[in-house]
Amino acid sequence: MERVVITGLGAVTPLGNQVDRMWDNLVRGESGVKRIEHFETEGQKVKIAAFVHDFDAKELFGVKEARRMDRFSQFAVAAAEEAVQDAGLDLNTLDRERVGVYVGSGIGGIQTLVHQHETLMTRGAGKVSPTLVPMMISNMAAAMISIRLGVYGPTLSPVTACSIGNTAIGEAFHRIAAGRTDIILAGGAEAAITELSLASFANATALSTRNDDPAAASRPFDRDRDGFVMGEGAGILVLESLTHALRRNARIYAEVIGYGASSDAYHMVATHPEGTGAFLAMREALRDAAISPEQVDVISAHATSTELGDRSETAAIKRLFGDAAYKVPVTANKSMLGHLLGAAGGVEAIALVKSLQDGVIPPTINLRQPDPECDLDYVPNEARRANLRIGMSNSFGFGGHNAVIVMQKFETA
């Protein structure tokens, strides 16, 4: 079996459109949640979100190419190109048949769909774009990355809701470990903040309505949390076999050592109240990595800031880790980034890589009054320096999809 390492990182997020900028803001405990100014919110219950700012697709890709991509695909391609550059990949010297792309999106091109439906209603069928369907379908982010890079390896677009990024990374890890591919760009992308989707999530009482205090709205594990905050972005990692990475003298950030997946088999949108699926996925990831819970130095929690979700994840961690649950720090990136939906897993995996590299755990901000049922060490409000070797990242999604990855500092022995 091949060892699998991470050699490149790329991100587009509400806290910055490059990895280093995002990471600096995470460590500082900055919030990316703001009042919505991109569309009219009169009549909406929720008026806040975590948008990507200063992203100019026309400048990045040219006018013609930008128009052919929905915003989620634009984010994905930008993050992928940063990751490729960061990894120092010279595609002209690689076997492109052994380079793949595993990038998914939970909702896909909803902005294109909404815009083209408006065109249909106001201007008629003859004005609807012939590129509506290819721009809208969720596999197009992976497809556009493959097309722009000219790589012929497997292209996969997993759709496991908010666990997409970890699903992509985990499945890529196993394929490379089996020796079937040398390199896979893996992660997720999302750009679903529209009037329609915002109203739907709000009517489902899933979103925070702390409209007068956006920066404090996402508050995982806090007693006064009232829902998640919609976000957008993309996170892409370059996964590579160790043999291939060493052959080209690549810089190595970390190593992927375990992956676990499960289903809640419980409800369309609600997580299992006892965290059964989360427990099973975490347990499988540790078994895959051949490590014990006591060896985990930090957990990047899914932690969306919903009442049931945070409690059930806490319960799952306690069930698996036992007494060690109170000794391992747990951090919640969504307290600052909002919930990036299909992009969350990829972005949070990047943050975990940076934690292992720098020995710093980003804080869980807005944790002022802990929920009595959420009583673990959530690194409240201030980043913490720590000796970190192994980290676990949790991602869970609507429909009961659970995906967990385990990474460690790269060690040659």
Protein backbone atom coordinates (compact mmCIF):
# COMPACT_ATOMS: atom_id res chain seq x y z
CA MET A 1 0.00 0.00 0.00
CA GLU A 2 1.16 3.50 -0.82
CA ARG A 3 1.38 6.16 1.85
CA VAL A 4 -0.64 9.25 0.88
CA VAL A 5 0.53 12.78 1.58
CA ILE A 6 -0.79 16.30 1.07
CA THR A 7 1.42 18.51 -1.06
CA GLY A 8 -0.81 21.43 -2.05
CA LEU A 9 -3.60 23.58 -0.62
CA GLY A 10 -6.05 26.03 -2.18
CA ALA A 11 -8.99 27.92 -0.69
CA VAL A 12 -11.62 30.53 -1.47
CA THR A 13 -13.47 31.51 1.72
CA PRO A 14 -15.29 34.29 3.57
CA LEU A 15 -12.05 34.83 5.51
CA GLY A 16 -9.81 35.18 2.49
CA ASN A 17 -9.31 33.88 -1.01
CA GLN A 18 -5.92 32.29 -0.38
CA VAL A 19 -4.96 29.72 2.23
CA ASP A 20 -2.53 31.89 4.17
CA ARG A 21 -4.99 34.77 4.51
CA MET A 22 -7.77 32.45 5.60
CA TRP A 23 -5.52 30.75 8.13
CA ASP A 24 -4.32 34.03 9.65
CA ASN A 25 -7.93 35.16 10.14
CA LEU A 26 -8.94 31.82 11.66
CA VAL A 27 -6.12 31.98 14.17
CA ARG A 28 -7.08 35.56 15.07
CA GLY A 29 -10.67 34.49 15.65
CA GLU A 30 -12.15 36.74 12.96
CA SER A 31 -15.73 36.23 11.85
CA GLY A 32 -16.64 36.20 8.16
CA VAL A 33 -20.37 36.63 8.85
CA LYS A 34 -21.93 39.91 7.75
CA ARG A 35 -25.22 41.52 6.79
CA ILE A 36 -26.36 40.50 3.32
CA GLU A 37 -25.91 43.32 0.81
CA HIS A 38 -25.87 41.32 -2.42
CA PHE A 39 -29.63 41.00 -2.68
CA GLU A 40 -32.76 42.39 -1.07
CA THR A 41 -33.59 40.77 2.29
CA GLU A 42 -36.88 42.51 2.99
CA GLY A 43 -39.36 39.82 3.99
CA GLN A 44 -36.56 37.36 4.81
CA LYS A 45 -36.28 36.01 8.34
CA VAL A 46 -32.50 35.83 7.98
CA LYS A 47 -30.42 38.75 6.78
CA ILE A 48 -26.88 37.50 7.43
CA ALA A 49 -24.45 35.16 5.69
CA ALA A 50 -20.75 34.49 5.16
CA PHE A 51 -19.94 35.63 1.62
CA VAL A 52 -16.71 35.42 -0.35
CA HIS A 53 -15.48 38.96 -1.05
CA ASP A 54 -13.15 40.48 -3.64
CA PHE A 55 -13.46 37.51 -5.98
CA ASP A 56 -13.26 38.62 -9.63
CA ALA A 57 -13.84 35.63 -11.90
CA LYS A 58 -13.50 37.71 -15.06
CA GLU A 59 -10.05 38.82 -14.00
CA LEU A 60 -9.04 35.28 -13.07
CA PHE A 61 -10.44 33.42 -16.07
CA GLY A 62 -11.37 36.02 -18.69
CA VAL A 63 -14.88 37.19 -19.51
CA LYS A 64 -15.83 34.32 -21.84
CA GLU A 65 -14.63 31.55 -19.54
CA ALA A 66 -16.14 33.14 -16.42
CA ARG A 67 -19.55 33.30 -18.08
CA ARG A 68 -19.43 29.55 -18.71
CA MET A 69 -19.09 28.71 -15.03
CA ASP A 70 -21.50 29.07 -12.15
CA ARG A 71 -20.01 30.75 -9.08
CA PHE A 72 -19.41 27.40 -7.31
CA SER A 73 -17.33 26.18 -10.26
CA GLN A 74 -15.41 29.45 -10.33
CA PHE A 75 -14.51 28.99 -6.67
CA ALA A 76 -13.47 25.39 -7.27
CA VAL A 77 -11.23 26.19 -10.21
CA ALA A 78 -9.58 29.10 -8.39
CA ALA A 79 -8.88 26.95 -5.33
CA ALA A 80 -7.60 24.09 -7.51
CA GLU A 81 -5.22 26.36 -9.38
CA GLU A 82 -3.86 27.71 -6.10
CA ALA A 83 -3.39 24.15 -4.84
CA VAL A 84 -1.58 23.07 -8.01
CA GLN A 85 0.74 26.06 -7.82
CA ASP A 86 1.28 25.51 -4.11
CA ALA A 87 2.21 21.87 -4.77
CA GLY A 88 4.71 22.89 -7.42
CA LEU A 89 3.10 20.58 -9.96
CA ASP A 90 4.45 20.86 -13.49
CA LEU A 91 1.70 19.10 -15.39
CA ASN A 92 3.85 18.94 -18.52
CA THR A 93 6.18 16.53 -16.75
CA LEU A 94 3.49 14.29 -15.19
CA ASP A 95 1.59 11.29 -16.45
CA ARG A 96 -1.76 13.08 -16.80
CA GLU A 97 -3.59 9.77 -16.98
CA ARG A 98 -2.65 9.25 -13.33
CA VAL A 99 -3.87 12.64 -12.10
CA GLY A 100 -7.51 12.78 -10.97
CA VAL A 101 -10.06 15.25 -9.60
CA TYR A 102 -12.48 14.40 -6.78
CA VAL A 103 -14.45 17.59 -6.13
CA GLY A 104 -18.14 17.81 -5.24
CA SER A 105 -20.88 20.30 -4.47
CA GLY A 106 -23.96 19.79 -2.37
CA ILE A 107 -26.29 22.11 -4.27
CA GLY A 108 -24.44 22.91 -7.47
CA GLY A 109 -25.29 25.82 -9.71
CA ILE A 110 -28.36 27.17 -7.98
CA GLN A 111 -27.41 30.76 -8.80
CA THR A 112 -27.49 29.91 -12.50
CA LEU A 113 -30.79 28.07 -12.08
CA VAL A 114 -32.44 30.99 -10.26
CA HIS A 115 -31.17 33.51 -12.80
CA GLN A 116 -32.28 31.48 -15.80
CA HIS A 117 -35.71 30.82 -14.27
CA GLU A 118 -36.12 34.57 -13.92
CA THR A 119 -35.10 34.94 -17.57
CA LEU A 120 -37.71 32.35 -18.58
CA MET A 121 -40.44 34.16 -16.65
CA THR A 122 -39.58 37.68 -17.83
CA ARG A 123 -38.12 37.23 -21.33
CA GLY A 124 -39.44 33.89 -22.56
CA ALA A 125 -38.09 30.45 -23.39
CA GLY A 126 -36.02 31.67 -26.32
CA LYS A 127 -33.76 33.65 -24.01
CA VAL A 128 -32.89 30.79 -21.64
CA SER A 129 -29.20 29.95 -21.86
CA PRO A 130 -28.27 26.67 -23.58
CA THR A 131 -25.55 26.31 -20.95
CA LEU A 132 -28.03 26.27 -18.04
CA VAL A 133 -27.82 22.53 -17.44
CA PRO A 134 -24.04 22.08 -17.76
CA MET A 135 -23.46 25.12 -15.55
CA MET A 136 -25.95 23.90 -12.95
CA ILE A 137 -25.06 20.24 -12.48
CA SER A 138 -22.89 19.57 -9.45
CA ASN A 139 -20.19 17.58 -11.24
CA MET A 140 -19.18 20.61 -13.28
CA ALA A 141 -16.68 21.89 -10.71
CA ALA A 142 -14.65 18.69 -11.01
CA ALA A 143 -15.13 18.67 -14.77
CA MET A 144 -13.92 22.26 -15.23
CA ILE A 145 -10.83 21.59 -13.11
CA SER A 146 -10.05 18.53 -15.22
CA ILE A 147 -10.60 20.46 -18.45
CA ARG A 148 -8.51 23.47 -17.45
CA LEU A 149 -5.64 21.32 -16.15
CA GLY A 150 -5.86 18.80 -18.98
CA VAL A 151 -5.75 15.75 -16.70
CA TYR A 152 -7.22 12.42 -17.76
CA GLY A 153 -7.40 10.48 -14.50
CA PRO A 154 -10.65 9.65 -12.69
CA THR A 155 -12.98 12.59 -12.13
CA LEU A 156 -15.54 12.10 -9.38
CA SER A 157 -18.14 14.45 -7.91
CA PRO A 158 -19.41 12.94 -4.65
CA VAL A 159 -22.73 14.30 -3.41
CA THR A 160 -22.93 13.59 0.31
CA ALA A 161 -24.31 16.99 1.34
CA CYS A 162 -22.10 18.76 3.87
CA SER A 163 -19.70 15.83 4.20
CA ILE A 164 -18.62 16.10 0.56
CA GLY A 165 -15.10 17.39 1.18
CA ASN A 166 -14.20 14.56 3.54
CA THR A 167 -15.84 12.01 1.26
CA ALA A 168 -13.74 13.26 -1.65
CA ILE A 169 -10.53 13.30 0.37
CA GLY A 170 -11.19 9.88 1.88
CA GLU A 171 -12.06 8.18 -1.39
CA ALA A 172 -9.04 9.79 -3.06
CA PHE A 173 -6.85 8.60 -0.19
CA HIS A 174 -7.95 5.00 -0.65
CA ARG A 175 -7.52 5.09 -4.43
CA ILE A 176 -4.00 6.49 -4.22
CA ALA A 177 -3.11 4.09 -1.39
CA ALA A 178 -4.13 1.22 -3.66
CA GLY A 179 -1.62 2.42 -6.25
CA ARG A 180 -4.24 3.19 -8.90
CA THR A 181 -3.52 6.93 -9.19
CA ASP A 182 -0.55 9.16 -8.39
CA ILE A 183 -2.27 12.48 -7.65
CA ILE A 184 -5.86 13.55 -6.94
CA LEU A 185 -7.14 17.06 -6.33
CA ALA A 186 -9.84 16.58 -3.70
CA GLY A 187 -12.33 18.79 -1.89
CA GLY A 188 -15.58 20.65 -2.35
CA ALA A 189 -17.16 23.90 -3.51
CA GLU A 190 -20.40 25.74 -2.86
CA ALA A 191 -22.07 29.03 -3.79
CA ALA A 192 -25.68 28.59 -2.71
CA ILE A 193 -26.51 31.85 -0.94
CA THR A 194 -29.58 32.99 -2.88
CA GLU A 195 -32.90 34.46 -1.83
CA LEU A 196 -34.52 31.09 -2.53
CA SER A 197 -32.15 28.87 -0.56
CA LEU A 198 -31.90 31.36 2.29
CA ALA A 199 -35.69 31.41 2.63
CA SER A 200 -35.89 27.62 2.55
CA PHE A 201 -33.26 27.08 5.25
CA ALA A 202 -34.81 29.86 7.34
CA ASN A 203 -38.30 28.38 7.08
CA ALA A 204 -36.83 25.07 8.23
CA THR A 205 -35.62 26.98 11.35
CA ALA A 206 -32.08 25.81 10.57
CA LEU A 207 -30.47 29.27 10.43
CA SER A 208 -29.47 31.76 13.08
CA THR A 209 -31.68 34.85 13.18
CA ARG A 210 -29.16 36.93 15.11
CA ASN A 211 -29.42 39.58 12.40
CA ASP A 212 -28.35 42.49 14.60
CA ASP A 213 -25.06 40.87 15.59
CA PRO A 214 -23.74 38.91 12.58
CA ALA A 215 -20.26 38.24 13.95
CA ALA A 216 -21.76 36.53 17.01
CA ALA A 217 -24.40 34.52 15.12
CA SER A 218 -22.46 31.30 14.62
CA ARG A 219 -21.79 30.00 18.12
CA PRO A 220 -21.18 26.24 18.24
CA PHE A 221 -21.65 24.55 21.61
CA ASP A 222 -22.93 27.76 23.19
CA ARG A 223 -26.12 27.59 25.23
CA ASP A 224 -27.63 30.45 23.19
CA ARG A 225 -26.92 29.09 19.71
CA ASP A 226 -29.90 29.27 17.38
CA GLY A 227 -28.79 27.75 14.08
CA PHE A 228 -26.07 27.84 11.45
CA VAL A 229 -25.05 30.66 9.13
CA MET A 230 -24.93 30.04 5.38
CA GLY A 231 -21.50 30.40 3.82
CA GLU A 232 -19.80 29.81 0.47
CA GLY A 233 -16.37 28.97 -0.90
CA ALA A 234 -14.09 26.12 -1.92
CA GLY A 235 -11.31 24.05 -0.42
CA ILE A 236 -9.06 21.84 -2.55
CA LEU A 237 -6.11 19.69 -1.45
CA VAL A 238 -3.51 17.92 -3.58
CA LEU A 239 -3.24 14.31 -2.41
CA GLU A 240 -0.25 12.40 -3.75
CA SER A 241 1.43 9.07 -3.23
CA LEU A 242 4.52 9.41 -1.09
CA THR A 243 6.56 7.64 -3.75
CA HIS A 244 5.52 10.18 -6.37
CA ALA A 245 6.01 13.15 -4.04
CA LEU A 246 9.51 12.08 -3.06
CA ARG A 247 10.42 11.40 -6.66
CA ARG A 248 9.75 15.03 -7.57
CA ASN A 249 11.16 16.36 -4.27
CA ALA A 250 7.84 17.90 -3.26
CA ARG A 251 7.19 19.79 -0.04
CA ILE A 252 4.91 17.66 2.13
CA TYR A 253 2.40 19.26 4.51
CA ALA A 254 0.92 16.19 6.18
CA GLU A 255 -0.10 12.58 5.67
CA VAL A 256 -3.62 11.15 5.38
CA ILE A 257 -3.77 7.99 7.48
CA GLY A 258 -7.47 7.16 7.95
CA TYR A 259 -10.96 7.54 6.55
CA GLY A 260 -14.33 6.43 7.85
CA ALA A 261 -17.86 6.81 6.51
CA SER A 262 -21.30 5.85 7.76
CA SER A 263 -25.02 6.61 7.57
CA ASP A 264 -27.33 7.72 10.37
CA ALA A 265 -30.25 5.79 8.82
CA TYR A 266 -32.46 8.12 10.83
CA HIS A 267 -33.92 11.29 9.26
CA MET A 268 -33.85 13.45 6.12
CA VAL A 269 -32.25 16.46 7.81
CA ALA A 270 -31.89 15.81 11.55
CA THR A 271 -28.78 14.14 12.88
CA HIS A 272 -29.18 11.05 15.01
CA PRO A 273 -29.78 12.36 18.56
CA GLU A 274 -27.26 9.92 20.03
CA GLY A 275 -24.69 10.63 17.32
CA THR A 276 -24.67 7.00 16.21
CA GLY A 277 -23.56 7.65 12.64
CA ALA A 278 -20.90 10.11 13.73
CA PHE A 279 -19.57 7.57 16.24
CA LEU A 280 -19.41 4.85 13.60
CA ALA A 281 -17.57 7.05 11.08
CA MET A 282 -15.05 8.23 13.66
CA ARG A 283 -14.50 4.68 14.88
CA GLU A 284 -13.91 3.44 11.33
CA ALA A 285 -11.49 6.30 10.61
CA LEU A 286 -9.41 5.42 13.68
CA ARG A 287 -9.44 1.74 12.78
CA ASP A 288 -8.38 2.59 9.23
CA ALA A 289 -5.52 4.64 10.65
CA ALA A 290 -4.65 1.84 13.11
CA ILE A 291 -4.54 4.25 16.05
CA SER A 292 -6.35 4.56 19.37
CA PRO A 293 -8.49 7.53 20.44
CA GLU A 294 -5.79 8.52 22.95
CA GLN A 295 -3.41 9.22 20.06
CA VAL A 296 -5.61 11.98 18.60
CA ASP A 297 -4.29 15.43 19.52
CA VAL A 298 -7.06 17.63 18.08
CA ILE A 299 -10.53 17.23 16.61
CA SER A 300 -11.95 19.59 13.99
CA ALA A 301 -15.65 19.29 14.73
CA HIS A 302 -18.50 19.53 12.23
CA ALA A 303 -20.21 21.78 14.81
CA THR A 304 -22.70 23.79 12.77
CA SER A 305 -24.18 25.69 15.74
CA THR A 306 -27.51 23.84 15.73
CA GLU A 307 -28.95 22.65 19.02
CA LEU A 308 -29.22 18.96 18.17
CA GLY A 309 -26.17 18.73 15.94
CA ASP A 310 -23.66 20.06 18.46
CA ARG A 311 -25.04 17.91 21.25
CA SER A 312 -25.07 14.73 19.21
CA GLU A 313 -21.51 15.27 17.97
CA THR A 314 -20.37 15.84 21.55
CA ALA A 315 -22.13 12.62 22.60
CA ALA A 316 -20.45 10.71 19.76
CA ILE A 317 -17.00 11.97 20.76
CA LYS A 318 -17.62 10.95 24.38
CA ARG A 319 -18.84 7.53 23.33
CA LEU A 320 -15.76 6.82 21.23
CA PHE A 321 -13.07 8.54 23.26
CA GLY A 322 -14.31 7.74 26.76
CA ASP A 323 -12.29 9.58 29.41
CA ALA A 324 -9.90 10.83 26.71
CA ALA A 325 -12.74 12.98 25.31
CA TYR A 326 -12.08 15.54 28.02
CA LYS A 327 -8.38 15.71 27.20
CA VAL A 328 -8.48 16.29 23.43
CA PRO A 329 -9.10 19.86 22.18
CA VAL A 330 -12.10 20.26 19.86
CA THR A 331 -12.29 23.25 17.53
CA ALA A 332 -15.16 24.59 15.42
CA ASN A 333 -14.11 26.52 12.31
CA LYS A 334 -17.75 27.25 11.42
CA SER A 335 -17.90 29.70 14.31
CA MET A 336 -15.88 32.00 12.02
CA LEU A 337 -16.46 30.74 8.48
CA GLY A 338 -20.16 29.99 8.75
CA HIS A 339 -21.31 26.72 7.22
CA LEU A 340 -19.84 26.37 3.72
CA LEU A 341 -22.09 23.36 3.04
CA GLY A 342 -20.40 21.22 0.36
CA ALA A 343 -17.19 23.26 0.69
CA ALA A 344 -16.94 22.88 4.47
CA GLY A 345 -15.02 19.60 4.61
CA GLY A 346 -12.32 20.69 2.17
CA VAL A 347 -11.76 24.04 3.84
CA GLU A 348 -11.73 22.53 7.32
CA ALA A 349 -9.28 19.84 6.20
CA ILE A 350 -6.95 22.62 5.05
CA ALA A 351 -7.29 24.31 8.44
CA LEU A 352 -6.41 21.04 10.16
CA VAL A 353 -3.33 20.62 7.96
CA LYS A 354 -2.22 24.11 8.96
CA SER A 355 -2.85 23.30 12.63
CA LEU A 356 -0.62 20.24 12.43
CA GLN A 357 2.02 22.20 10.56
CA ASP A 358 2.06 25.27 12.83
CA GLY A 359 1.11 23.72 16.17
CA VAL A 360 -1.81 26.11 16.58
CA ILE A 361 -5.49 25.28 17.18
CA PRO A 362 -7.94 27.94 15.96
CA PRO A 363 -10.52 28.99 18.52
CA THR A 364 -14.23 28.32 18.70
CA ILE A 365 -15.41 31.90 18.92
CA ASN A 366 -18.66 33.15 20.48
CA LEU A 367 -18.54 30.42 23.12
CA ARG A 368 -19.63 32.47 26.15
CA GLN A 369 -22.17 30.29 27.96
CA PRO A 370 -21.46 26.60 27.26
CA ASP A 371 -24.36 24.23 26.84
CA PRO A 372 -24.25 21.92 29.90
CA GLU A 373 -24.52 18.95 27.52
CA CYS A 374 -21.54 20.25 25.53
CA ASP A 375 -18.82 20.05 28.15
CA LEU A 376 -15.64 19.22 26.24
CA ASP A 377 -12.60 21.44 25.64
CA TYR A 378 -13.71 23.50 22.64
CA VAL A 379 -10.74 25.94 22.67
CA PRO A 380 -13.03 28.87 23.50
CA ASN A 381 -12.45 32.28 21.92
CA GLU A 382 -8.65 32.28 21.68
CA ALA A 383 -6.27 30.20 19.58
CA ARG A 384 -4.03 27.79 21.45
CA ARG A 385 -0.51 26.56 20.83
CA ALA A 386 -0.10 22.81 21.25
CA ASN A 387 2.14 19.92 20.33
CA LEU A 388 0.09 18.33 17.56
CA ARG A 389 0.87 15.14 15.71
CA ILE A 390 -2.50 13.59 14.76
CA GLY A 391 -5.77 15.35 13.96
CA MET A 392 -9.28 14.20 13.09
CA SER A 393 -11.81 16.15 11.01
CA ASN A 394 -15.55 15.45 11.13
CA SER A 395 -18.09 16.25 8.42
CA PHE A 396 -21.76 15.27 8.52
CA GLY A 397 -24.55 15.99 6.03
CA PHE A 398 -28.28 16.00 5.39
CA GLY A 399 -29.58 12.51 4.79
CA GLY A 400 -27.32 11.15 7.50
CA HIS A 401 -24.05 11.09 5.55
CA ASN A 402 -20.97 11.03 7.79
CA ALA A 403 -17.34 11.21 6.68
CA VAL A 404 -14.27 11.47 8.91
CA ILE A 405 -10.61 11.79 7.96
CA VAL A 406 -7.49 11.41 10.10
CA MET A 407 -4.22 13.16 9.26
CA GLN A 408 -0.83 13.33 10.90
CA LYS A 409 2.38 15.29 10.62
CA PHE A 410 4.57 13.80 7.95
CA GLU A 411 7.19 11.47 9.33
CA THR A 412 9.78 9.77 7.11
CA ALA A 413 10.13 6.61 9.21
